[in-house]
Amino acid sequence: MTESYFDWTQGLFDPTRIFDKPEALGGVRVLELTTLILGPTAADFLGEFGAEVIKVELPPRGDTMRYVTPEATFWKNAALGFFPENHSKYHVGIDLHTEEGKDLFKQLAGRSDILVENFRAGTLDQWGIGYRQLSALNRRLIYVAASGFGQWGPFSLGRASYDGVAQTVSGMVGITGFPERPPILCGIYIGDWFGGLLAATAALVAFHHRTKTGEGQFIDYAQSEGLIRSLDWTWLRHGLTGQDRGPAGNRDEALVPAGIFRCRDGFVAVAAPRDEEFQGLCVAMGEPELAKDGRFAALPARQQPAHADLLLKRIGSWARERTRSEIEGLAEKFGFAAAPVVSAEDRYRDEHLRARGTVWAYEDPVYGPMVEHGPAPKLSQTPGRIRWSAKPVGWHNEEILLRLLGLSQARLRELEAKKVVGKWADVTGAKPPDDWTP
C-alpha cells in the first residue's frame, strides 16, 4: 500500500461523490405528525440517510417551530429555528380535526413504514389516529410516540414538556453551572436533539426486527428518560454510594486535569488525564516537577478534590499568560489535548469542516444559497445528505396527495374548498419568500 491512510480515507468519503452513491434508507417512508423539535429531529435523522419523510401539519399556520426564531430573526419569511430539523421533507397541510382529514392521514399511514409523533400522551388516540387505530390498518407500521414523560405512568397524564423542563426533571440541570450559583440550562435544546437521535435509533431497531418478523411495533420514547440515560455515572454513583452529584463548573471531576481556562485572547479547553499526557503538560508549563509530586503523579491522586483544586489553579495561572494558539501549539508538541473555545463564525469558516461536508453549503430553489449542518456520521457506501431545505406549509400537497394517494385534481380542489387540505397563511414563518413566484 503506497497510498497514505489519510489520502485513502479522503477518497473513500469524498463529499463531491455523495450524490453518486445510494441512500441506505431509500424506499423507507416516514410519516411525521410533530411540532417543535423532538419529533421533527427523529424524522430528520432518518431523512438524512434516504427515508422519504412526509411532514403533515395543520394548515394554515403549521408547526409551532415555524415561529420560534432567535430575536425574531427570520430568513426570507422562514424561522431560523425551523430549518435544522426539517431537511428534505415533503410538507403536506391536512386539517386533522375533520373526518376527511383523518381519512387522508390514515391512508398515508397505511402506505408508511414508520410514523413519528410527539403530541401529549394519548392525544392521537383520542383523535382516532393513534397506534391502536393505525396498527389495525397497517400491522407493519412502526409507531414512534415521543413525549416528555412517556405514554404511561403517574407523571405522564396530560403533561406538556419542553426541552428546559426535560433537562430539569432528568436531573441534568442540577449538575450544571458552578457551585453556590443557580443552575444553568444547556445552551442548546439537548433533550430534543439527543432525544431525536435515540428515537430514530429505536425506529431503526424496530425496522430491523420487522425485516425478520413482518411485524411493526409501538415505541414509547420519553424525553426526560433519554437525558437520564446521558448522565453517565451520576445516577449510578447515587444508587451505589448514596452520594449526590453537584455542579462542578467548567471542570471534569473524573478526568483531571480537564477544564476551560481563560487565556490572553479568550478561552481554551485543556485536558491531560492520562499520566503521560499530564507529564507533557507539566513540561509545557515549565514545571516538570509537578508530574513527580505525590499529589499529582497519578490520576487517582489528582482526582482528590483538594489536589484537583490546587492543580487547576496552577494551570489557570499558566494559561492566562498565553494565547489560545500558543497553548494549542504546546499541546501538539508535548502530547496533551487543547482546543480554543470557538464561535459560530469560527465553525462556519472552518476549512476542515467544509472539506468534510459538516458545513453543508448548497443552493435551494426557494431560499437560494443555504449553509447548514451536514450529516455527522460519514458512511463510505451510503452517505447521508441534504436534498433540499424546509418548505412552507403545504408545499408538497399535490406531490403527495396526487402521486401517493392517487387523488384526482377535482377531489383535491374539493378538499381545499372545504379547508381539509390547505397551504400557508399569509404570515411570516408559514409563507414563502416575498419574492417567490410559482
Protein backbone atom coordinates (compact mmCIF):
# COMPACT_ATOMS: atom_id res chain seq x y z
CA MET A 1 0.00 0.00 0.00
CA THR A 2 1.72 3.15 -1.21
CA GLU A 3 -1.24 5.47 -0.61
CA SER A 4 -1.33 7.07 2.83
CA TYR A 5 -4.19 6.22 5.15
CA PHE A 6 -5.44 9.81 5.16
CA ASP A 7 -5.43 10.09 1.36
CA TRP A 8 -7.28 6.77 1.17
CA THR A 9 -10.00 7.80 3.65
CA GLN A 10 -10.39 11.20 1.98
CA GLY A 11 -11.05 9.46 -1.32
CA LEU A 12 -13.36 6.90 0.28
CA PHE A 13 -15.55 9.57 1.86
CA ASP A 14 -15.13 12.21 -0.86
CA PRO A 15 -18.04 14.68 -0.31
CA THR A 16 -18.17 15.50 -4.03
CA ARG A 17 -19.29 11.91 -4.74
CA ILE A 18 -22.11 11.74 -2.18
CA PHE A 19 -24.91 12.11 -4.71
CA ASP A 20 -23.39 9.37 -6.89
CA LYS A 21 -23.95 6.83 -4.09
CA PRO A 22 -27.17 5.14 -2.91
CA GLU A 23 -29.07 6.01 0.25
CA ALA A 24 -29.30 3.37 2.98
CA LEU A 25 -32.94 4.12 3.77
CA GLY A 26 -34.10 4.66 0.20
CA GLY A 27 -37.61 3.25 -0.19
CA VAL A 28 -38.46 3.68 3.51
CA ARG A 29 -41.39 6.03 4.08
CA VAL A 30 -41.71 8.04 7.32
CA LEU A 31 -44.95 9.80 8.18
CA GLU A 32 -44.41 12.67 10.59
CA LEU A 33 -47.02 14.45 12.68
CA THR A 34 -44.98 16.56 15.05
CA THR A 35 -44.25 20.00 16.36
CA LEU A 36 -41.22 21.91 17.65
CA ILE A 37 -38.00 19.83 17.76
CA LEU A 38 -38.10 16.38 19.39
CA GLY A 39 -40.29 14.61 16.84
CA PRO A 40 -39.08 16.54 13.78
CA THR A 41 -35.48 15.73 14.68
CA ALA A 42 -36.15 11.99 14.87
CA ALA A 43 -37.67 12.03 11.38
CA ASP A 44 -34.91 14.34 10.11
CA PHE A 45 -32.16 11.91 11.11
CA LEU A 46 -33.92 9.17 9.13
CA GLY A 47 -34.37 11.51 6.18
CA GLU A 48 -30.66 12.35 6.08
CA PHE A 49 -30.00 8.73 5.10
CA GLY A 50 -32.64 8.49 2.42
CA ALA A 51 -36.01 7.92 4.04
CA GLU A 52 -38.92 9.68 2.33
CA VAL A 53 -40.30 11.88 5.11
CA ILE A 54 -43.82 13.26 4.77
CA LYS A 55 -44.42 16.01 7.32
CA VAL A 56 -48.12 16.61 7.99
CA GLU A 57 -49.02 19.97 9.51
CA LEU A 58 -52.32 21.62 10.41
CA PRO A 59 -52.86 24.45 7.90
CA PRO A 60 -52.57 27.32 7.51
CA ARG A 61 -50.02 28.13 10.25
CA GLY A 62 -48.39 24.71 10.62
CA ASP A 63 -45.72 23.61 13.09
CA THR A 64 -45.17 25.89 16.11
CA MET A 65 -41.44 25.81 15.33
CA ARG A 66 -42.13 27.96 12.27
CA TYR A 67 -42.38 30.91 14.68
CA VAL A 68 -39.54 30.03 17.07
CA THR A 69 -36.51 32.02 15.99
CA PRO A 70 -33.84 33.95 17.93
CA GLU A 71 -34.66 37.62 18.49
CA ALA A 72 -37.45 37.43 15.88
CA THR A 73 -34.88 36.89 13.11
CA PHE A 74 -36.47 35.33 10.00
CA TRP A 75 -34.72 34.40 6.76
CA LYS A 76 -36.89 35.07 3.72
CA ASN A 77 -40.03 34.63 5.85
CA ALA A 78 -38.75 31.38 7.39
CA ALA A 79 -37.78 30.91 11.04
CA LEU A 80 -34.12 30.10 11.58
CA GLY A 81 -35.21 27.51 14.13
CA PHE A 82 -37.26 25.59 11.58
CA PHE A 83 -34.51 24.76 9.08
CA PRO A 84 -32.16 22.50 11.10
CA GLU A 85 -34.66 19.69 11.82
CA ASN A 86 -36.71 19.81 8.60
CA HIS A 87 -34.36 18.94 5.74
CA SER A 88 -35.51 17.11 2.63
CA LYS A 89 -39.10 16.62 3.84
CA TYR A 90 -42.36 16.69 1.92
CA HIS A 91 -44.69 19.24 3.56
CA VAL A 92 -48.41 18.45 3.48
CA GLY A 93 -51.18 20.54 5.08
CA ILE A 94 -54.16 18.50 6.39
CA ASP A 95 -56.72 19.55 8.99
CA LEU A 96 -56.94 16.51 11.25
CA HIS A 97 -59.90 17.91 13.16
CA THR A 98 -62.08 16.82 10.23
CA GLU A 99 -63.11 13.26 9.42
CA GLU A 100 -61.96 13.64 5.83
CA GLY A 101 -58.60 14.88 7.07
CA LYS A 102 -58.26 11.89 9.38
CA ASP A 103 -59.12 9.60 6.49
CA LEU A 104 -56.32 11.11 4.40
CA PHE A 105 -53.92 10.65 7.30
CA LYS A 106 -54.96 7.01 7.70
CA GLN A 107 -54.32 6.44 4.01
CA LEU A 108 -50.83 7.89 4.38
CA ALA A 109 -50.19 5.74 7.46
CA GLY A 110 -51.32 2.69 5.54
CA ARG A 111 -48.59 3.35 2.98
CA SER A 112 -45.85 4.20 5.51
CA ASP A 113 -43.19 2.18 7.30
CA ILE A 114 -42.57 4.47 10.29
CA LEU A 115 -44.74 7.11 11.96
CA VAL A 116 -43.30 9.73 14.31
CA GLU A 117 -45.47 11.89 16.57
CA ASN A 118 -44.69 13.97 19.65
CA PHE A 119 -48.05 15.16 20.96
CA ARG A 120 -49.04 14.84 24.61
CA ALA A 121 -49.53 11.21 25.56
CA GLY A 122 -52.82 9.83 24.26
CA THR A 123 -53.72 12.79 22.04
CA LEU A 124 -53.70 10.95 18.72
CA ASP A 125 -55.55 8.03 20.25
CA GLN A 126 -58.29 10.47 21.26
CA TRP A 127 -58.35 11.77 17.70
CA GLY A 128 -58.79 8.23 16.38
CA ILE A 129 -55.42 8.13 14.62
CA GLY A 130 -53.19 6.65 17.32
CA TYR A 131 -51.31 3.37 17.30
CA ARG A 132 -54.30 1.25 18.24
CA GLN A 133 -56.28 2.52 15.27
CA LEU A 134 -53.46 2.73 12.71
CA SER A 135 -51.86 -0.65 13.50
CA ALA A 136 -55.22 -2.26 12.72
CA LEU A 137 -54.87 -0.79 9.22
CA ASN A 138 -51.16 -1.47 8.84
CA ARG A 139 -49.70 -4.18 11.07
CA ARG A 140 -46.21 -3.43 9.70
CA LEU A 141 -46.30 0.16 10.96
CA ILE A 142 -43.57 1.22 13.39
CA TYR A 143 -45.14 3.94 15.53
CA VAL A 144 -42.80 6.24 17.47
CA ALA A 145 -44.55 8.24 20.20
CA ALA A 146 -42.08 10.79 21.57
CA SER A 147 -43.20 12.76 24.61
CA GLY A 148 -41.85 14.42 27.71
CA PHE A 149 -42.62 11.70 30.23
CA GLY A 150 -43.84 8.64 28.34
CA GLN A 151 -47.17 7.14 27.31
CA TRP A 152 -47.96 5.73 30.75
CA GLY A 153 -47.02 6.25 34.40
CA PRO A 154 -48.14 8.65 37.16
CA PHE A 155 -46.27 11.62 35.67
CA SER A 156 -47.49 11.16 32.09
CA LEU A 157 -51.15 12.09 32.11
CA GLY A 158 -51.83 15.31 30.22
CA ARG A 159 -48.45 16.86 30.93
CA ALA A 160 -46.73 19.03 28.36
CA SER A 161 -42.96 19.15 28.20
CA TYR A 162 -40.33 21.37 26.67
CA ASP A 163 -36.60 20.88 26.49
CA GLY A 164 -35.91 23.00 29.57
CA VAL A 165 -38.47 21.02 31.55
CA ALA A 166 -36.89 17.74 30.48
CA GLN A 167 -33.45 18.99 31.47
CA THR A 168 -34.82 19.87 34.89
CA VAL A 169 -36.81 16.69 35.53
CA SER A 170 -33.97 14.44 34.37
CA GLY A 171 -31.56 15.93 36.89
CA MET A 172 -29.31 17.38 34.20
CA VAL A 173 -29.78 20.98 35.30
CA GLY A 174 -28.85 20.05 38.85
CA ILE A 175 -25.29 19.20 37.85
CA THR A 176 -24.62 22.17 35.55
CA GLY A 177 -23.25 25.58 36.40
CA PHE A 178 -20.95 26.47 39.26
CA PRO A 179 -21.10 25.61 42.97
CA GLU A 180 -23.01 28.14 45.06
CA ARG A 181 -24.66 29.62 41.98
CA PRO A 182 -28.06 28.99 40.35
CA PRO A 183 -28.21 26.03 37.92
CA ILE A 184 -27.80 26.70 34.21
CA LEU A 185 -29.72 25.27 31.25
CA CYS A 186 -27.69 23.74 28.43
CA GLY A 187 -27.13 26.27 25.67
CA ILE A 188 -28.94 24.13 23.09
CA TYR A 189 -32.14 22.04 23.06
CA ILE A 190 -30.15 18.98 24.03
CA GLY A 191 -33.15 16.97 25.23
CA ASP A 192 -34.74 17.39 21.82
CA TRP A 193 -31.68 16.65 19.71
CA PHE A 194 -30.37 13.78 21.81
CA GLY A 195 -33.93 12.52 22.14
CA GLY A 196 -34.48 12.64 18.41
CA LEU A 197 -31.34 10.57 17.92
CA LEU A 198 -32.49 7.92 20.41
CA ALA A 199 -35.98 7.82 18.93
CA ALA A 200 -34.57 7.40 15.41
CA THR A 201 -32.27 4.64 16.68
CA ALA A 202 -35.24 2.86 18.25
CA ALA A 203 -37.15 3.12 14.97
CA LEU A 204 -34.26 1.51 13.09
CA VAL A 205 -34.05 -1.29 15.67
CA ALA A 206 -37.78 -1.91 15.21
CA PHE A 207 -37.35 -1.75 11.44
CA HIS A 208 -34.67 -4.44 11.61
CA HIS A 209 -36.99 -6.58 13.73
CA ARG A 210 -39.72 -6.11 11.15
CA THR A 211 -37.48 -7.41 8.37
CA LYS A 212 -37.32 -10.71 10.29
CA THR A 213 -40.91 -10.95 11.53
CA GLY A 214 -43.04 -8.71 9.33
CA GLU A 215 -44.47 -7.08 12.44
CA GLY A 216 -44.40 -3.40 13.37
CA GLN A 217 -44.50 -2.16 16.95
CA PHE A 218 -45.20 0.76 19.30
CA ILE A 219 -42.19 2.75 20.57
CA ASP A 220 -42.64 4.86 23.68
CA TYR A 221 -39.81 7.39 23.98
CA ALA A 222 -39.73 9.76 26.97
CA GLN A 223 -37.53 12.81 26.51
CA SER A 224 -36.69 13.13 30.21
CA GLU A 225 -35.64 9.48 30.41
CA GLY A 226 -33.36 9.93 27.41
CA LEU A 227 -31.50 12.65 29.26
CA ILE A 228 -31.27 10.45 32.34
CA ARG A 229 -29.55 7.88 30.14
CA SER A 230 -26.99 10.53 29.16
CA LEU A 231 -25.96 11.40 32.73
CA ASP A 232 -23.07 8.89 32.74
CA TRP A 233 -22.15 7.96 36.32
CA THR A 234 -24.42 10.47 38.08
CA TRP A 235 -27.25 8.07 38.89
CA LEU A 236 -25.02 5.02 39.30
CA ARG A 237 -22.97 6.82 41.92
CA HIS A 238 -26.03 7.72 43.94
CA GLY A 239 -27.52 4.24 43.66
CA LEU A 240 -24.35 2.53 44.85
CA THR A 241 -22.90 5.03 47.32
CA GLY A 242 -25.75 7.38 48.24
CA GLN A 243 -23.65 10.37 47.15
CA ASP A 244 -25.25 13.06 45.05
CA ARG A 245 -23.52 14.96 42.31
CA GLY A 246 -23.50 18.73 42.24
CA PRO A 247 -22.33 21.34 39.74
CA ALA A 248 -18.60 21.45 39.01
CA GLY A 249 -18.38 24.45 36.71
CA ASN A 250 -16.01 24.17 33.74
CA ARG A 251 -14.00 21.26 35.12
CA ASP A 252 -14.23 17.50 34.97
CA GLU A 253 -14.39 15.70 38.31
CA ALA A 254 -13.14 12.38 36.93
CA LEU A 255 -10.67 13.30 34.18
CA VAL A 256 -8.14 15.50 35.95
CA PRO A 257 -6.91 17.84 34.72
CA ALA A 258 -9.59 18.81 32.21
CA GLY A 259 -11.38 22.12 32.03
CA ILE A 260 -11.89 25.51 30.42
CA PHE A 261 -9.27 28.17 31.15
CA ARG A 262 -9.01 31.87 30.38
CA CYS A 263 -6.21 32.94 28.04
CA ARG A 264 -4.93 36.33 26.93
CA ASP A 265 -7.27 36.27 23.91
CA GLY A 266 -10.24 34.17 25.02
CA PHE A 267 -10.75 30.71 26.46
CA VAL A 268 -9.23 27.31 25.80
CA ALA A 269 -10.06 23.74 26.79
CA VAL A 270 -7.14 21.75 28.17
CA ALA A 271 -7.23 18.04 29.02
CA ALA A 272 -4.41 15.79 30.18
CA PRO A 273 -5.95 12.99 32.28
CA ARG A 274 -3.58 10.19 31.26
CA ASP A 275 -0.36 10.27 33.25
CA GLU A 276 1.87 10.59 30.17
CA GLU A 277 -0.32 13.45 28.89
CA PHE A 278 -0.07 15.15 32.26
CA GLN A 279 3.70 14.81 32.19
CA GLY A 280 3.72 16.55 28.81
CA LEU A 281 1.51 19.36 30.15
CA CYS A 282 3.86 19.86 33.08
CA VAL A 283 6.84 20.19 30.73
CA ALA A 284 4.87 22.67 28.59
CA MET A 285 4.11 24.69 31.72
CA GLY A 286 7.79 24.72 32.67
CA GLU A 287 7.03 22.75 35.84
CA PRO A 288 8.12 19.16 35.13
CA GLU A 289 8.44 18.52 38.86
CA LEU A 290 4.61 18.62 39.22
CA ALA A 291 4.42 15.24 37.46
CA LYS A 292 6.51 13.72 40.27
CA ASP A 293 4.57 15.33 43.12
CA GLY A 294 2.68 12.66 45.05
CA ARG A 295 -0.49 14.76 44.94
CA PHE A 296 -0.49 14.81 41.14
CA ALA A 297 1.68 11.97 39.81
CA ALA A 298 -1.19 9.51 39.23
CA LEU A 299 -4.80 10.07 38.20
CA PRO A 300 -6.39 8.73 41.45
CA ALA A 301 -4.36 11.28 43.40
CA ARG A 302 -5.30 14.10 41.04
CA GLN A 303 -8.99 13.17 41.42
CA GLN A 304 -8.94 14.07 45.11
CA PRO A 305 -10.89 17.37 45.33
CA ALA A 306 -8.23 19.30 47.26
CA HIS A 307 -5.48 18.17 44.89
CA ALA A 308 -7.59 18.90 41.82
CA ASP A 309 -8.41 22.41 43.06
CA LEU A 310 -4.75 23.22 43.56
CA LEU A 311 -3.69 21.79 40.22
CA LEU A 312 -6.38 23.57 38.21
CA LYS A 313 -5.40 26.89 39.80
CA ARG A 314 -1.80 26.32 38.69
CA ILE A 315 -2.91 25.56 35.14
CA GLY A 316 -5.22 28.59 35.17
CA SER A 317 -2.38 30.91 36.14
CA TRP A 318 -0.19 29.48 33.40
CA ALA A 319 -2.92 29.77 30.72
CA ARG A 320 -3.70 33.42 31.50
CA GLU A 321 -0.23 34.42 30.29
CA ARG A 322 -0.61 32.76 26.89
CA THR A 323 -2.75 32.94 23.78
CA ARG A 324 -5.04 30.19 22.53
CA SER A 325 -2.76 29.43 19.59
CA GLU A 326 0.29 29.20 21.87
CA ILE A 327 -1.42 26.61 24.07
CA GLU A 328 -2.62 24.66 21.02
CA GLY A 329 0.93 24.58 19.70
CA LEU A 330 2.30 23.40 23.03
CA ALA A 331 -0.36 20.70 23.21
CA GLU A 332 0.65 19.36 19.82
CA LYS A 333 4.33 19.46 20.76
CA PHE A 334 4.04 17.86 24.21
CA GLY A 335 1.18 15.43 23.70
CA PHE A 336 -1.81 16.71 25.64
CA ALA A 337 -5.17 17.93 24.33
CA ALA A 338 -6.12 21.59 23.85
CA ALA A 339 -8.56 23.48 21.68
CA PRO A 340 -9.88 27.05 21.68
CA VAL A 341 -13.45 27.88 22.62
CA VAL A 342 -14.74 28.94 19.23
CA SER A 343 -17.65 30.98 17.90
CA ALA A 344 -20.26 30.13 15.29
CA GLU A 345 -18.25 32.19 12.79
CA ASP A 346 -15.15 30.12 13.52
CA ARG A 347 -17.04 26.91 12.71
CA TYR A 348 -18.73 28.49 9.69
CA ARG A 349 -15.36 29.35 8.15
CA ASP A 350 -13.56 26.20 9.29
CA GLU A 351 -11.77 24.65 6.29
CA HIS A 352 -11.71 21.22 7.93
CA LEU A 353 -15.48 21.14 8.48
CA ARG A 354 -16.21 22.46 5.00
CA ALA A 355 -13.94 19.85 3.43
CA ARG A 356 -15.80 17.10 5.30
CA GLY A 357 -19.28 18.39 4.44
CA THR A 358 -20.11 19.13 8.08
CA VAL A 359 -20.63 22.71 6.97
CA TRP A 360 -23.03 21.94 4.14
CA ALA A 361 -23.35 24.70 1.55
CA TYR A 362 -25.92 24.21 -1.19
CA GLU A 363 -28.36 26.02 -3.46
CA ASP A 364 -32.06 25.69 -2.64
CA PRO A 365 -34.60 26.52 -5.38
CA VAL A 366 -36.72 28.59 -2.99
CA TYR A 367 -34.27 30.10 -0.49
CA GLY A 368 -31.17 30.35 -2.64
CA PRO A 369 -27.71 29.83 -1.10
CA MET A 370 -28.02 27.91 2.17
CA VAL A 371 -25.44 26.82 4.75
CA GLU A 372 -26.46 24.18 7.29
CA HIS A 373 -25.07 21.37 9.42
CA GLY A 374 -24.40 18.35 7.23
CA PRO A 375 -24.87 14.75 8.44
CA ALA A 376 -22.44 13.97 11.25
CA PRO A 377 -21.78 10.24 10.66
CA LYS A 378 -19.88 9.70 7.42
CA LEU A 379 -20.78 6.42 5.66
CA SER A 380 -18.47 5.31 2.87
CA GLN A 381 -21.04 3.47 0.73
CA THR A 382 -24.38 5.09 1.68
CA PRO A 383 -23.56 8.62 2.84
CA GLY A 384 -26.14 10.96 4.32
CA ARG A 385 -27.11 14.15 2.53
CA ILE A 386 -29.36 17.20 2.43
CA ARG A 387 -31.50 17.28 -0.71
CA TRP A 388 -33.46 20.48 -0.07
CA SER A 389 -34.32 22.84 2.76
CA ALA A 390 -37.53 23.08 4.78
CA LYS A 391 -40.50 24.44 2.85
CA PRO A 392 -43.66 26.46 3.62
CA VAL A 393 -46.83 24.83 4.97
CA GLY A 394 -48.46 22.51 2.43
CA TRP A 395 -45.76 23.00 -0.18
CA HIS A 396 -45.96 19.39 -1.41
CA ASN A 397 -49.73 18.82 -1.20
CA GLU A 398 -50.07 17.98 -4.89
CA GLU A 399 -46.88 15.92 -4.97
CA ILE A 400 -48.04 13.63 -2.14
CA LEU A 401 -51.82 13.58 -2.39
CA LEU A 402 -51.95 13.14 -6.15
CA ARG A 403 -48.93 10.89 -6.62
CA LEU A 404 -49.05 8.78 -3.48
CA LEU A 405 -52.75 8.64 -2.65
CA GLY A 406 -53.97 8.90 -6.24
CA LEU A 407 -56.43 11.75 -5.63
CA SER A 408 -57.75 13.47 -8.71
CA GLN A 409 -57.26 17.18 -9.26
CA ALA A 410 -61.01 17.67 -8.84
CA ARG A 411 -61.03 15.84 -5.49
CA LEU A 412 -58.04 17.86 -4.28
CA ARG A 413 -59.76 21.13 -5.22
CA GLU A 414 -62.87 19.96 -3.36
CA LEU A 415 -60.86 19.20 -0.20
CA GLU A 416 -59.14 22.58 -0.49
CA ALA A 417 -62.51 24.32 -0.74
CA LYS A 418 -63.63 22.53 2.44
CA LYS A 419 -60.33 23.56 4.12
CA VAL A 420 -59.49 19.90 4.79
CA VAL A 421 -56.32 20.38 2.77
CA GLY A 422 -54.54 23.71 2.89
CA LYS A 423 -51.38 25.70 2.46
CA TRP A 424 -49.62 28.54 4.20
CA ALA A 425 -51.18 31.51 5.89
CA ASP A 426 -50.01 34.94 4.82
CA VAL A 427 -47.83 35.27 7.92
CA THR A 428 -44.09 35.29 8.42
CA GLY A 429 -42.99 31.79 9.34
CA ALA A 430 -45.57 29.92 7.26
CA LYS A 431 -45.27 31.50 3.82
CA PRO A 432 -42.64 31.54 1.04
CA PRO A 433 -40.19 34.39 0.49
CA ASP A 434 -41.80 37.64 -0.63
CA ASP A 435 -40.01 37.50 -3.99
CA TRP A 436 -41.02 33.89 -4.71
CA THR A 437 -43.23 33.24 -7.72
CA PRO A 438 -44.83 29.86 -8.61
